Amino acid sequence: MTALEHDDAPVYMRLRAMIAAAILRGEYRAGDQLPSVRAFAAEVGANPLTVAKAYQTFQDDGYVEVRRGVGMFVLPGAAEALRTAERERFLKNYWPRVRDHIALLGLDRDVLFDRETA
């Protein structure tokens, strides 16, 4: 799941976020086959129809291609295009809330960037 993906998001969007994060981390590169719908559903304990809906978003967005009878494969340039889209999504949908929460808590930017995580 990508950072800041909320638990109240629809299940297919949370699954999509998991797959997107795997592509962005390089776990699935151009030409790699994604797990089958059934295999991924079993792995994450989701309904196969919900997984299919998540996968369909990648096909709709042009990040993967379906090879009939074979599976779904990551297209060349998908990681870069996905990274660009996810950056825009973050800046539009998440960053304003994060920024507002930082301001609400009175957190200092230097403290945030210098703070070590446990």
Protein backbone atom coordinates (compact mmCIF):
# COMPACT_ATOMS: atom_id res chain seq x y z
CA MET A 1 0.00 0.00 0.00
CA THR A 2 1.32 3.40 -0.85
CA ALA A 3 1.88 5.96 1.86
CA LEU A 4 -1.22 7.80 2.97
CA GLU A 5 -3.66 5.38 1.36
CA HIS A 6 -6.52 5.51 3.83
CA ASP A 7 -8.16 2.47 5.37
CA ASP A 8 -11.53 3.99 4.44
CA ALA A 9 -10.67 3.92 0.72
CA PRO A 10 -12.55 1.32 -1.33
CA VAL A 11 -10.89 -2.09 -1.22
CA TYR A 12 -10.08 -2.07 -4.93
CA MET A 13 -8.24 1.25 -4.49
CA ARG A 14 -6.22 -0.16 -1.58
CA LEU A 15 -5.33 -3.17 -3.73
CA ARG A 16 -4.45 -0.84 -6.59
CA ALA A 17 -2.18 1.08 -4.23
CA MET A 18 -0.39 -2.13 -3.25
CA ILE A 19 0.25 -3.05 -6.88
CA ALA A 20 1.28 0.52 -7.76
CA ALA A 21 3.78 0.54 -4.90
CA ALA A 22 5.23 -2.77 -6.12
CA ILE A 23 5.65 -1.36 -9.63
CA LEU A 24 7.25 1.82 -8.26
CA ARG A 25 9.64 -0.22 -6.09
CA GLY A 26 10.67 -2.22 -9.15
CA GLU A 27 9.16 -5.50 -8.01
CA TYR A 28 7.34 -5.59 -11.35
CA ARG A 29 9.33 -4.13 -14.25
CA ALA A 30 8.44 -3.55 -17.88
CA GLY A 31 7.59 -6.90 -19.42
CA ASP A 32 6.95 -8.62 -16.08
CA GLN A 33 3.72 -10.47 -15.55
CA LEU A 34 1.50 -9.44 -12.65
CA PRO A 35 0.17 -12.25 -10.46
CA SER A 36 -3.06 -13.73 -11.77
CA VAL A 37 -6.25 -12.26 -10.35
CA ARG A 38 -6.92 -15.45 -8.43
CA ALA A 39 -3.37 -15.73 -7.09
CA PHE A 40 -3.29 -12.11 -5.91
CA ALA A 41 -6.79 -12.45 -4.40
CA ALA A 42 -5.68 -15.52 -2.45
CA GLU A 43 -2.46 -13.80 -1.35
CA VAL A 44 -4.23 -10.74 0.07
CA GLY A 45 -7.51 -12.40 1.09
CA ALA A 46 -9.66 -10.40 -1.31
CA ASN A 47 -12.53 -11.23 -3.61
CA PRO A 48 -11.24 -11.98 -7.14
CA LEU A 49 -13.80 -9.57 -8.62
CA THR A 50 -12.37 -6.79 -6.46
CA VAL A 51 -8.84 -7.63 -7.60
CA ALA A 52 -10.04 -7.67 -11.21
CA LYS A 53 -11.45 -4.17 -10.70
CA ALA A 54 -8.11 -2.97 -9.33
CA TYR A 55 -6.25 -4.56 -12.24
CA GLN A 56 -8.68 -3.00 -14.70
CA THR A 57 -7.64 0.48 -13.51
CA PHE A 58 -4.06 -0.27 -14.59
CA GLN A 59 -5.26 -1.42 -17.99
CA ASP A 60 -7.50 1.65 -18.34
CA ASP A 61 -4.58 3.93 -17.45
CA GLY A 62 -2.27 2.24 -19.95
CA TYR A 63 0.23 0.78 -17.47
CA VAL A 64 -0.37 -2.86 -18.36
CA GLU A 65 -1.51 -4.94 -21.29
CA VAL A 66 -3.59 -8.08 -21.26
CA ARG A 67 -2.37 -10.99 -23.31
CA ARG A 68 -5.41 -13.14 -23.76
CA GLY A 69 -5.03 -16.51 -22.13
CA VAL A 70 -1.60 -15.58 -20.75
CA GLY A 71 -1.98 -12.75 -18.25
CA MET A 72 -1.38 -9.10 -17.55
CA PHE A 73 2.04 -7.56 -18.24
CA VAL A 74 3.64 -4.26 -17.23
CA LEU A 75 4.20 -2.02 -20.24
CA PRO A 76 7.46 -0.16 -20.98
CA GLY A 77 7.40 3.29 -19.35
CA ALA A 78 4.67 2.27 -16.92
CA ALA A 79 6.74 2.93 -13.78
CA GLU A 80 7.69 6.44 -14.91
CA ALA A 81 4.13 7.30 -15.98
CA LEU A 82 2.73 5.82 -12.78
CA ARG A 83 5.25 7.76 -10.66
CA THR A 84 4.22 11.00 -12.39
CA ALA A 85 0.52 10.26 -11.88
CA GLU A 86 1.03 9.26 -8.24
CA ARG A 87 3.01 12.44 -7.56
CA GLU A 88 0.17 14.52 -8.98
CA ARG A 89 -2.37 12.53 -6.97
CA PHE A 90 -0.33 13.04 -3.80
CA LEU A 91 0.09 16.77 -4.36
CA LYS A 92 -3.58 17.25 -5.17
CA ASN A 93 -5.28 14.89 -2.73
CA TYR A 94 -2.95 14.27 0.20
CA TRP A 95 -0.42 17.04 0.56
CA PRO A 96 -2.95 19.79 1.40
CA ARG A 97 -4.27 17.68 4.29
CA VAL A 98 -0.77 16.82 5.49
CA ARG A 99 0.32 20.47 5.25
CA ASP A 100 -2.79 21.60 7.14
CA HIS A 101 -2.22 18.99 9.84
CA ILE A 102 1.40 20.07 10.24
CA ALA A 103 0.24 23.66 10.65
CA LEU A 104 -2.50 22.64 13.09
CA LEU A 105 0.04 20.84 15.27
CA GLY A 106 2.50 23.70 15.04
CA LEU A 107 5.27 21.44 13.80
CA ASP A 108 8.45 23.05 12.56
CA ARG A 109 9.74 22.01 9.14
CA ASP A 110 13.31 21.62 10.41
CA VAL A 111 12.13 19.35 13.21
CA LEU A 112 10.17 17.22 10.74
CA PHE A 113 13.07 16.77 8.34
CA ASP A 114 15.70 16.24 11.01
CA ARG A 115 13.65 13.79 13.06
CA GLU A 116 14.84 10.21 12.95
CA THR A 117 12.21 7.54 12.60
CA ALA A 118 12.22 4.56 14.88
